[in-house]
Amino acid sequence: MQYIDNVIFLILLVVGFGLFFKSLKEIYRNIKLGKEINRTDRKAERWAIMSRVALGQSKMVKRPIAGVLHIFVYVGFVIINIELLEIIIDGIFGTHRFLQSVLGDSFYAFFTSTLEILALLVVIAVVVFFIRRNFYGVKRLTMKELFGWPKKDANWILIIEFALMVAFFTMNGSDYFINKHLLTESLSASNTALTGLVNEFSKPHLDLSHNFPISSHFFFLENLNNGTLHIIEKSAWWFHFVGILFFMNYLYYSKHLHIILAFPNTWFSNLEKKGKFNNLDSVTKEIKLMMDPNADPYAAPAEDEAEVPSKFGAEDIFDLNQHQLMSAYSCTECGRCTSVCPANITGKKLSPRLIMMKTRDRLEEVGKNINKNGGKFVEDGKKLVNDYITKEELWACTTCNACVEACPVLIDPLSIIFEMRRFLVMEQSAAPQELNLMMTNVENNAAPWQYNQADRLNWAKDN
């Protein structure tokens, strides 16, 4: 029976990480539903971008207050979870603060002190974020598209992070006061038997009195007896461990997948100039053929020529590339893109953030369809265009790239809008009347304006 805690711990650990990797495998499968795209060129530049943007948070600090607070949460939460290694070792082998015996008292004191300071910064940041999101009224965080689950999800993440940090402090504070009591009792013990008893009880609790600059001030714990403190410590320890496993598996259902996917998303980002249109080889060759007076339009295509795509543009998530689908999962729903979108600012229906959210919703629906039907997608009569994203949204875009520039993890909503517009124009001939008129003029007059080619230089006659 003495090993029951270790067995329970090991079962929870295996189940927690097993479910987590199962979720990652499903996300990977869903991303692979998109078209392959080769983004392995210029590796040095890609590593530099990932280090600067994903790791260094360089684009977050363009809005200093939110950026600095986010760095507190990001750095603090990542470093604090280094202690998960110690928790795992202690949980499996029944040790107590295993890293102290490895790092030594001085370095371990520095380590735990640093963790406590970072944990305090995390608590401050999540409290400010919660107030800012729910009571301060930041426009991009109170828009209609965030009503319902997106708002609840953001709040739940903040609440979970706050609870984990409180458990962390409670665990350390209880440990601190147990040691304080034991040291006091040891000094005041007048007989060897009592001193031996005290030393025996204190074996699992090494001297940590100088390690906890924050939790050592949890004075409400000081007057509790050691038996109660031990129960509180173990309860907080288990809560912290189970909370980490819960948070890890909650990520699959949350916008906070960017904690993981921001790194590959920035590495595989588009290194071309923003807004550069990805011309289709098959269309380019066709135009060159039309413009070449010596070309034979009936000649058989060369073997090395690219095949004509089965569909121009994107109607559904299967027509988008894999990086675009990864970006949908990477979206933090921060709304920086929408807040700078001129179409949205002037009251039009377009929201770049909502484009990414709807793409992710459709991708998740397709994934559930595949799960339900034994690993094969069964046509459900829905498409990304029209069923999720409307033509009105697509044609409201001015292609200014403000959304692309604003995104802190290099998501490109414009590339998705481009592909869906291409589908509407080239597959459905469903461009707005103004655009159809312009394209007709280009075809007939070699200019977007509606006058004869012979009159194009009339403006210069009187000059």
Protein backbone atom coordinates (compact mmCIF):
# COMPACT_ATOMS: atom_id res chain seq x y z
CA MET A 1 0.00 0.00 0.00
CA GLN A 2 2.95 2.33 0.50
CA TYR A 3 3.41 2.60 -3.26
CA ILE A 4 -0.23 3.37 -4.08
CA ASP A 5 0.51 7.10 -4.60
CA ASN A 6 3.32 6.28 -7.03
CA VAL A 7 1.09 3.89 -8.99
CA ILE A 8 -1.74 6.42 -9.21
CA PHE A 9 0.75 9.10 -10.26
CA LEU A 10 2.23 6.90 -12.99
CA ILE A 11 -1.24 6.00 -14.35
CA LEU A 12 -2.25 9.68 -14.50
CA LEU A 13 1.05 10.57 -16.17
CA VAL A 14 0.70 7.90 -18.87
CA VAL A 15 -2.97 8.68 -19.52
CA GLY A 16 -2.37 12.45 -19.57
CA PHE A 17 0.54 12.35 -21.99
CA GLY A 18 -1.14 9.59 -24.03
CA LEU A 19 -4.23 11.74 -24.62
CA PHE A 20 -2.04 14.75 -25.36
CA PHE A 21 -0.05 12.96 -28.08
CA LYS A 22 -3.29 11.51 -29.47
CA SER A 23 -4.58 15.07 -29.88
CA LEU A 24 -1.33 16.18 -31.52
CA LYS A 25 -1.57 13.25 -33.92
CA GLU A 26 -5.11 14.27 -34.87
CA ILE A 27 -4.06 17.89 -35.43
CA TYR A 28 -1.18 16.72 -37.61
CA ARG A 29 -3.57 14.55 -39.63
CA ASN A 30 -5.95 17.46 -40.14
CA ILE A 31 -3.14 19.77 -41.27
CA LYS A 32 -2.02 17.10 -43.76
CA LEU A 33 -5.45 17.30 -45.41
CA GLY A 34 -4.18 20.43 -47.14
CA LYS A 35 -2.02 20.61 -50.24
CA GLU A 36 1.68 20.05 -49.83
CA ILE A 37 3.86 23.13 -49.99
CA ASN A 38 7.64 23.27 -49.96
CA ARG A 39 8.86 25.74 -47.36
CA THR A 40 12.28 24.29 -46.57
CA ASP A 41 14.38 26.84 -48.44
CA ARG A 42 16.51 29.56 -46.79
CA LYS A 43 16.83 27.57 -43.58
CA ALA A 44 19.08 30.04 -41.77
CA GLU A 45 16.59 32.82 -42.38
CA ARG A 46 13.73 30.63 -41.15
CA TRP A 47 15.54 29.74 -37.93
CA ALA A 48 16.26 33.41 -37.34
CA ILE A 49 12.62 34.37 -37.89
CA MET A 50 11.35 31.65 -35.55
CA SER A 51 13.84 32.66 -32.87
CA ARG A 52 12.98 36.32 -33.17
CA VAL A 53 9.19 36.10 -33.55
CA ALA A 54 8.06 32.92 -31.76
CA LEU A 55 10.75 32.66 -29.09
CA GLY A 56 11.70 36.32 -28.76
CA GLN A 57 8.12 37.68 -29.01
CA SER A 58 9.40 40.57 -31.16
CA LYS A 59 6.02 41.41 -32.71
CA MET A 60 4.12 41.22 -29.42
CA VAL A 61 5.87 44.25 -27.94
CA LYS A 62 4.67 46.55 -30.72
CA ARG A 63 1.77 47.05 -28.30
CA PRO A 64 3.96 47.51 -25.20
CA ILE A 65 1.53 46.91 -22.33
CA ALA A 66 -0.04 43.76 -23.74
CA GLY A 67 3.35 42.66 -25.08
CA VAL A 68 5.21 42.91 -21.77
CA LEU A 69 2.39 41.21 -19.87
CA HIS A 70 2.34 38.42 -22.45
CA ILE A 71 6.09 37.96 -22.03
CA PHE A 72 5.55 37.61 -18.27
CA VAL A 73 3.03 34.82 -18.88
CA TYR A 74 5.04 33.22 -21.66
CA VAL A 75 8.46 33.21 -19.98
CA GLY A 76 7.10 32.57 -16.51
CA PHE A 77 4.80 29.74 -17.44
CA VAL A 78 7.37 27.98 -19.61
CA ILE A 79 10.17 28.21 -17.05
CA ILE A 80 7.92 27.36 -14.13
CA ASN A 81 6.92 24.16 -15.87
CA ILE A 82 10.54 23.08 -15.82
CA GLU A 83 9.58 22.03 -12.32
CA LEU A 84 7.32 19.46 -13.96
CA LEU A 85 10.50 17.40 -14.38
CA GLU A 86 11.00 17.44 -10.61
CA ILE A 87 7.34 16.62 -9.99
CA ILE A 88 7.55 13.62 -12.33
CA ILE A 89 10.67 12.27 -10.61
CA ASP A 90 9.20 12.83 -7.14
CA GLY A 91 5.88 11.28 -8.17
CA ILE A 92 7.39 8.15 -9.67
CA PHE A 93 10.08 7.47 -7.10
CA GLY A 94 8.47 8.95 -3.99
CA THR A 95 11.27 11.49 -3.43
CA HIS A 96 10.78 15.06 -2.21
CA ARG A 97 12.38 17.93 -4.14
CA PHE A 98 14.76 15.65 -5.99
CA LEU A 99 16.51 18.49 -7.84
CA GLN A 100 17.89 19.92 -4.61
CA SER A 101 20.10 16.87 -4.20
CA VAL A 102 21.26 17.24 -7.82
CA LEU A 103 21.71 21.02 -8.07
CA GLY A 104 22.95 21.63 -4.54
CA ASP A 105 21.42 23.87 -1.89
CA SER A 106 22.68 27.21 -3.22
CA PHE A 107 21.74 26.73 -6.87
CA TYR A 108 18.43 25.12 -5.94
CA ALA A 109 17.64 28.10 -3.73
CA PHE A 110 18.35 30.41 -6.70
CA PHE A 111 16.26 28.17 -8.97
CA THR A 112 13.18 28.09 -6.73
CA SER A 113 13.46 31.78 -5.90
CA THR A 114 13.49 32.59 -9.62
CA LEU A 115 10.47 30.37 -10.18
CA GLU A 116 8.53 32.13 -7.43
CA ILE A 117 9.27 35.60 -8.82
CA LEU A 118 8.23 34.48 -12.31
CA ALA A 119 5.10 32.87 -10.88
CA LEU A 120 4.18 36.18 -9.25
CA LEU A 121 4.62 37.97 -12.59
CA VAL A 122 2.34 35.37 -14.20
CA VAL A 123 -0.33 35.98 -11.54
CA ILE A 124 -0.12 39.76 -12.05
CA ALA A 125 -0.32 39.39 -15.84
CA VAL A 126 -3.29 37.00 -15.90
CA VAL A 127 -5.23 39.18 -13.45
CA VAL A 128 -4.62 42.25 -15.61
CA PHE A 129 -5.55 40.30 -18.75
CA PHE A 130 -8.77 39.07 -17.12
CA ILE A 131 -9.79 42.59 -16.08
CA ARG A 132 -8.78 43.98 -19.46
CA ARG A 133 -10.72 41.34 -21.37
CA ASN A 134 -13.89 41.46 -19.27
CA PHE A 135 -14.18 44.93 -17.74
CA TYR A 136 -11.89 47.39 -19.49
CA GLY A 137 -13.62 47.23 -22.87
CA VAL A 138 -10.79 46.83 -25.39
CA LYS A 139 -12.72 46.89 -28.67
CA ARG A 140 -10.91 44.01 -30.39
CA LEU A 141 -11.58 41.81 -27.33
CA THR A 142 -15.28 42.62 -27.09
CA MET A 143 -16.35 42.16 -30.72
CA LYS A 144 -19.36 40.07 -31.60
CA GLU A 145 -17.26 37.27 -33.09
CA LEU A 146 -15.81 36.53 -29.64
CA PHE A 147 -19.18 35.99 -27.97
CA GLY A 148 -19.83 32.49 -26.65
CA TRP A 149 -17.09 29.87 -26.61
CA PRO A 150 -14.14 32.10 -27.72
CA LYS A 151 -14.71 34.44 -24.76
CA LYS A 152 -15.22 31.55 -22.32
CA ASP A 153 -12.12 29.80 -23.64
CA ALA A 154 -9.94 32.87 -23.12
CA ASN A 155 -11.25 33.31 -19.57
CA TRP A 156 -10.87 29.63 -18.71
CA ILE A 157 -7.22 29.71 -19.74
CA LEU A 158 -6.58 32.72 -17.49
CA ILE A 159 -8.41 31.07 -14.59
CA ILE A 160 -6.48 27.80 -15.03
CA GLU A 161 -3.15 29.63 -15.13
CA PHE A 162 -4.08 31.61 -12.00
CA ALA A 163 -5.15 28.43 -10.16
CA LEU A 164 -1.94 26.62 -11.09
CA MET A 165 0.18 29.47 -9.78
CA VAL A 166 -1.81 29.65 -6.53
CA ALA A 167 -1.32 25.90 -6.08
CA PHE A 168 2.40 26.37 -6.74
CA PHE A 169 2.66 29.04 -4.03
CA THR A 170 0.52 27.03 -1.60
CA MET A 171 2.71 23.96 -2.08
CA ASN A 172 5.88 25.96 -1.46
CA GLY A 173 4.40 27.94 1.44
CA SER A 174 3.26 24.81 3.24
CA ASP A 175 6.70 23.28 2.78
CA TYR A 176 8.33 26.43 4.12
CA PHE A 177 6.23 26.58 7.30
CA ILE A 178 6.62 22.85 7.96
CA ASN A 179 10.37 23.40 7.96
CA LYS A 180 10.07 26.53 10.06
CA HIS A 181 8.05 24.66 12.68
CA LEU A 182 10.40 21.70 12.68
CA LEU A 183 13.49 23.86 13.06
CA THR A 184 11.90 25.76 15.93
CA GLU A 185 10.87 22.55 17.65
CA SER A 186 14.30 21.05 17.09
CA LEU A 187 16.02 24.02 18.75
CA SER A 188 13.68 23.96 21.72
CA ALA A 189 13.67 20.18 22.24
CA SER A 190 15.19 19.31 25.61
CA ASN A 191 15.69 15.59 25.21
CA THR A 192 17.31 13.33 22.67
CA ALA A 193 14.22 11.24 22.09
CA LEU A 194 12.19 14.26 21.03
CA THR A 195 15.01 15.56 18.88
CA GLY A 196 15.29 12.18 17.15
CA LEU A 197 11.57 12.16 16.51
CA VAL A 198 11.70 15.65 15.02
CA ASN A 199 14.65 14.75 12.80
CA GLU A 200 12.93 11.61 11.59
CA PHE A 201 9.81 13.59 10.63
CA SER A 202 11.84 16.29 8.89
CA LYS A 203 13.78 13.92 6.62
CA PRO A 204 11.46 14.42 3.61
CA HIS A 205 11.54 18.18 4.12
CA LEU A 206 14.95 19.69 3.56
CA ASP A 207 15.78 23.16 4.79
CA LEU A 208 13.93 25.42 2.31
CA SER A 209 13.53 28.52 4.46
CA HIS A 210 15.56 30.73 2.11
CA ASN A 211 14.13 29.43 -1.16
CA PHE A 212 10.65 30.95 -1.28
CA PRO A 213 10.62 34.77 -1.36
CA ILE A 214 6.87 34.92 -2.13
CA SER A 215 5.18 31.92 -0.52
CA SER A 216 7.12 32.37 2.73
CA HIS A 217 4.84 35.39 3.29
CA PHE A 218 1.64 33.32 3.21
CA PHE A 219 1.16 34.01 6.93
CA PHE A 220 -2.28 32.40 7.05
CA LEU A 221 -0.43 29.05 6.89
CA GLU A 222 1.89 29.80 9.80
CA ASN A 223 -0.50 28.95 12.62
CA LEU A 224 -1.52 25.59 11.19
CA ASN A 225 0.01 22.46 12.64
CA ASN A 226 2.43 20.35 10.62
CA GLY A 227 -0.08 17.57 10.01
CA THR A 228 -2.52 20.03 8.42
CA LEU A 229 0.28 21.73 6.48
CA HIS A 230 1.44 18.37 5.12
CA ILE A 231 -2.09 17.63 3.87
CA ILE A 232 -2.30 21.09 2.27
CA GLU A 233 1.12 20.66 0.66
CA LYS A 234 0.30 17.27 -0.85
CA SER A 235 -3.12 18.49 -1.99
CA ALA A 236 -1.58 21.51 -3.71
CA TRP A 237 1.13 19.28 -5.21
CA TRP A 238 -1.46 16.89 -6.67
CA PHE A 239 -3.67 19.77 -7.84
CA HIS A 240 -0.71 21.38 -9.59
CA PHE A 241 0.28 18.14 -11.29
CA VAL A 242 -3.25 17.17 -12.38
CA GLY A 243 -3.86 20.80 -13.42
CA ILE A 244 -0.85 20.73 -15.74
CA LEU A 245 -2.11 17.50 -17.35
CA PHE A 246 -5.59 19.02 -17.72
CA PHE A 247 -4.20 22.24 -19.22
CA MET A 248 -2.03 20.24 -21.63
CA ASN A 249 -5.04 18.28 -22.93
CA TYR A 250 -7.32 21.31 -22.94
CA LEU A 251 -5.05 22.95 -25.53
CA TYR A 252 -6.60 20.80 -28.28
CA TYR A 253 -9.97 22.51 -27.73
CA SER A 254 -8.52 25.96 -27.20
CA LYS A 255 -7.06 28.83 -29.16
CA HIS A 256 -3.96 28.35 -27.00
CA LEU A 257 -2.56 25.77 -29.40
CA HIS A 258 -0.33 28.65 -30.45
CA ILE A 259 1.81 27.75 -27.42
CA ILE A 260 2.99 24.80 -29.51
CA LEU A 261 2.24 25.73 -33.12
CA ALA A 262 3.63 29.28 -33.12
CA PHE A 263 7.11 27.80 -33.58
CA PRO A 264 6.50 25.69 -36.72
CA ASN A 265 4.08 28.31 -38.04
CA THR A 266 6.76 31.01 -38.01
CA TRP A 267 9.42 28.64 -39.34
CA PHE A 268 7.30 27.66 -42.35
CA SER A 269 6.01 31.19 -42.96
CA ASN A 270 6.08 32.76 -46.41
CA LEU A 271 9.40 34.55 -47.03
CA GLU A 272 8.25 36.24 -50.24
CA LYS A 273 7.15 39.87 -50.29
CA LYS A 274 3.81 40.41 -48.56
CA GLY A 275 0.90 40.20 -50.96
CA LYS A 276 2.87 38.64 -53.80
CA PHE A 277 0.36 36.67 -55.86
CA ASN A 278 1.25 33.03 -56.34
CA ASN A 279 0.67 32.69 -60.06
CA LEU A 280 -0.33 29.25 -61.31
CA ASP A 281 2.17 27.76 -63.76
CA SER A 282 -0.60 26.27 -65.88
CA VAL A 283 -2.29 29.67 -66.29
CA THR A 284 1.00 31.48 -66.98
CA LYS A 285 1.91 29.00 -69.74
CA GLU A 286 -1.54 29.32 -71.26
CA ILE A 287 -1.23 33.11 -71.43
CA LYS A 288 2.25 32.89 -72.94
CA LEU A 289 0.86 30.48 -75.50
CA MET A 290 -1.93 32.92 -76.39
CA MET A 291 0.57 35.78 -76.78
CA ASP A 292 2.97 33.81 -78.98
CA PRO A 293 1.93 34.18 -82.65
CA ASN A 294 4.12 31.23 -83.62
CA ALA A 295 2.77 28.82 -81.01
CA ASP A 296 0.63 25.85 -82.02
CA PRO A 297 -2.39 25.80 -79.65
CA TYR A 298 -3.10 22.17 -80.60
CA ALA A 299 0.39 20.86 -79.85
CA ALA A 300 0.62 18.14 -77.19
CA PRO A 301 2.05 19.45 -73.88
CA ALA A 302 5.61 18.53 -72.99
CA GLU A 303 6.06 15.77 -70.41
CA ASP A 304 7.75 18.09 -67.90
CA GLU A 305 4.98 20.72 -68.01
CA ALA A 306 2.90 21.09 -64.87
CA GLU A 307 -0.48 19.43 -64.90
CA VAL A 308 -3.53 21.64 -64.94
CA PRO A 309 -4.93 21.71 -61.40
CA SER A 310 -8.23 19.94 -60.84
CA LYS A 311 -9.57 23.12 -59.27
CA PHE A 312 -8.48 26.73 -59.38
CA GLY A 313 -8.36 28.40 -55.99
CA ALA A 314 -9.86 27.12 -52.76
CA GLU A 315 -13.46 26.08 -52.19
CA ASP A 316 -12.85 24.03 -49.06
CA ILE A 317 -10.05 23.28 -46.62
CA PHE A 318 -8.74 20.49 -48.90
CA ASP A 319 -7.81 23.17 -51.45
CA LEU A 320 -5.72 25.24 -49.03
CA ASN A 321 -2.08 24.41 -48.39
CA GLN A 322 -0.84 22.78 -45.21
CA HIS A 323 0.71 25.95 -43.82
CA GLN A 324 -2.59 27.80 -44.17
CA LEU A 325 -4.30 25.05 -42.16
CA MET A 326 -1.54 25.16 -39.55
CA SER A 327 -2.09 28.91 -39.32
CA ALA A 328 -5.77 28.33 -38.59
CA TYR A 329 -4.77 26.22 -35.59
CA SER A 330 -2.09 28.75 -34.59
CA CYS A 331 -4.44 31.75 -34.43
CA THR A 332 -4.52 33.30 -30.95
CA GLU A 333 -7.76 35.22 -31.66
CA CYS A 334 -6.00 38.33 -30.32
CA GLY A 335 -7.71 40.48 -32.96
CA ARG A 336 -4.69 42.59 -33.83
CA CYS A 337 -5.34 41.80 -37.49
CA THR A 338 -8.99 42.88 -37.34
CA SER A 339 -8.21 46.04 -35.35
CA VAL A 340 -6.03 47.37 -38.22
CA CYS A 341 -8.19 46.10 -41.11
CA PRO A 342 -9.50 49.14 -43.04
CA ALA A 343 -12.50 47.18 -44.30
CA ASN A 344 -13.51 46.25 -40.76
CA ILE A 345 -12.82 49.73 -39.41
CA THR A 346 -15.19 51.22 -42.00
CA GLY A 347 -17.99 48.86 -40.96
CA LYS A 348 -17.70 46.13 -43.57
CA LYS A 349 -18.32 42.52 -42.65
CA LEU A 350 -14.73 41.33 -43.11
CA SER A 351 -12.71 40.33 -40.04
CA PRO A 352 -9.36 38.64 -40.76
CA ARG A 353 -9.50 37.02 -37.32
CA LEU A 354 -12.90 35.54 -38.13
CA ILE A 355 -11.55 34.21 -41.44
CA MET A 356 -9.00 32.18 -39.48
CA MET A 357 -11.54 31.10 -36.84
CA LYS A 358 -14.00 29.91 -39.49
CA THR A 359 -11.24 28.05 -41.34
CA ARG A 360 -10.34 26.26 -38.10
CA ASP A 361 -14.02 25.51 -37.39
CA ARG A 362 -14.42 23.93 -40.81
CA LEU A 363 -11.17 21.99 -40.40
CA GLU A 364 -12.35 20.65 -37.04
CA GLU A 365 -15.72 19.67 -38.54
CA VAL A 366 -13.95 17.75 -41.31
CA GLY A 367 -11.74 16.05 -38.71
CA LYS A 368 -14.79 14.91 -36.71
CA ASN A 369 -16.35 13.64 -39.95
CA ILE A 370 -13.22 11.56 -40.62
CA ASN A 371 -13.24 10.18 -37.06
CA LYS A 372 -16.91 9.28 -37.32
CA ASN A 373 -16.52 7.49 -40.63
CA GLY A 374 -13.55 5.26 -39.90
CA GLY A 375 -10.76 7.50 -41.17
CA LYS A 376 -12.44 8.55 -44.41
CA PHE A 377 -14.16 11.85 -45.20
CA VAL A 378 -17.79 11.50 -46.26
CA GLU A 379 -19.17 14.42 -48.24
CA ASP A 380 -21.35 16.52 -45.94
CA GLY A 381 -22.68 19.05 -48.44
CA LYS A 382 -20.74 21.93 -46.87
CA LYS A 383 -17.87 24.04 -48.13
CA LEU A 384 -15.64 26.68 -46.62
CA VAL A 385 -16.82 29.20 -49.21
CA ASN A 386 -20.44 30.29 -48.65
CA ASP A 387 -21.19 27.90 -45.77
CA TYR A 388 -18.54 29.40 -43.50
CA ILE A 389 -17.05 32.42 -45.25
CA THR A 390 -19.32 34.60 -47.37
CA LYS A 391 -18.57 36.32 -50.66
CA GLU A 392 -19.29 39.63 -48.98
CA GLU A 393 -16.43 39.07 -46.56
CA LEU A 394 -14.03 38.03 -49.32
CA TRP A 395 -14.69 40.96 -51.63
CA ALA A 396 -14.51 43.49 -48.79
CA CYS A 397 -10.77 42.84 -48.49
CA THR A 398 -8.57 45.63 -49.90
CA THR A 399 -5.47 43.36 -49.99
CA CYS A 400 -3.52 45.99 -48.05
CA ASN A 401 -1.66 43.38 -45.94
CA ALA A 402 -2.30 45.25 -42.68
CA CYS A 403 -3.56 42.02 -41.10
CA VAL A 404 -0.46 40.11 -42.17
CA GLU A 405 1.84 42.79 -40.79
CA ALA A 406 -0.03 42.91 -37.46
CA CYS A 407 -0.09 39.19 -36.66
CA PRO A 408 2.32 38.29 -33.82
CA VAL A 409 2.84 34.74 -35.15
CA LEU A 410 3.05 35.51 -38.91
CA ILE A 411 -0.40 34.22 -39.91
CA ASP A 412 -1.46 35.29 -43.41
CA PRO A 413 -5.28 35.59 -43.68
CA LEU A 414 -4.85 37.35 -47.02
CA SER A 415 -3.45 34.22 -48.67
CA ILE A 416 -6.65 32.34 -47.79
CA ILE A 417 -8.79 35.20 -49.07
CA PHE A 418 -6.74 35.19 -52.31
CA GLU A 419 -7.37 31.49 -52.89
CA MET A 420 -11.10 31.72 -52.24
CA ARG A 421 -11.40 34.75 -54.52
CA ARG A 422 -9.53 32.82 -57.19
CA PHE A 423 -12.05 30.01 -56.89
CA LEU A 424 -14.99 32.40 -57.21
CA VAL A 425 -13.52 34.07 -60.31
CA MET A 426 -11.98 31.13 -62.16
CA GLU A 427 -14.36 28.33 -61.21
CA GLN A 428 -17.70 30.06 -60.67
CA SER A 429 -17.30 33.31 -62.62
CA ALA A 430 -18.75 34.94 -59.54
CA ALA A 431 -16.74 38.16 -59.40
CA PRO A 432 -18.51 41.43 -58.57
CA GLN A 433 -19.86 43.38 -61.53
CA GLU A 434 -17.18 46.07 -61.19
CA LEU A 435 -14.42 43.47 -61.41
CA ASN A 436 -16.05 41.70 -64.36
CA LEU A 437 -16.23 45.04 -66.19
CA MET A 438 -12.56 45.73 -65.48
CA MET A 439 -11.48 42.27 -66.70
CA THR A 440 -13.60 42.67 -69.86
CA ASN A 441 -11.90 46.01 -70.56
CA VAL A 442 -8.46 44.46 -70.06
CA GLU A 443 -9.38 41.67 -72.47
CA ASN A 444 -10.83 43.98 -75.13
CA ASN A 445 -8.88 47.22 -74.65
CA ALA A 446 -5.67 46.05 -72.96
CA ALA A 447 -6.49 48.50 -70.16
CA PRO A 448 -8.94 48.57 -67.26
CA TRP A 449 -10.75 51.62 -68.66
CA GLN A 450 -13.64 51.46 -71.08
CA TYR A 451 -12.35 53.18 -74.19
CA ASN A 452 -10.86 52.11 -77.50
CA GLN A 453 -7.14 51.29 -77.70
CA ALA A 454 -6.79 53.79 -80.53
CA ASP A 455 -7.83 56.58 -78.17
CA ARG A 456 -5.38 55.75 -75.39
CA LEU A 457 -2.94 58.59 -76.26
CA ASN A 458 -5.53 61.27 -76.96
CA TRP A 459 -4.74 62.89 -73.61
CA ALA A 460 -1.26 63.85 -74.96
CA LYS A 461 -2.35 65.61 -78.17
CA ASP A 462 -2.68 69.08 -76.66
CA ASN A 463 0.56 68.86 -74.64
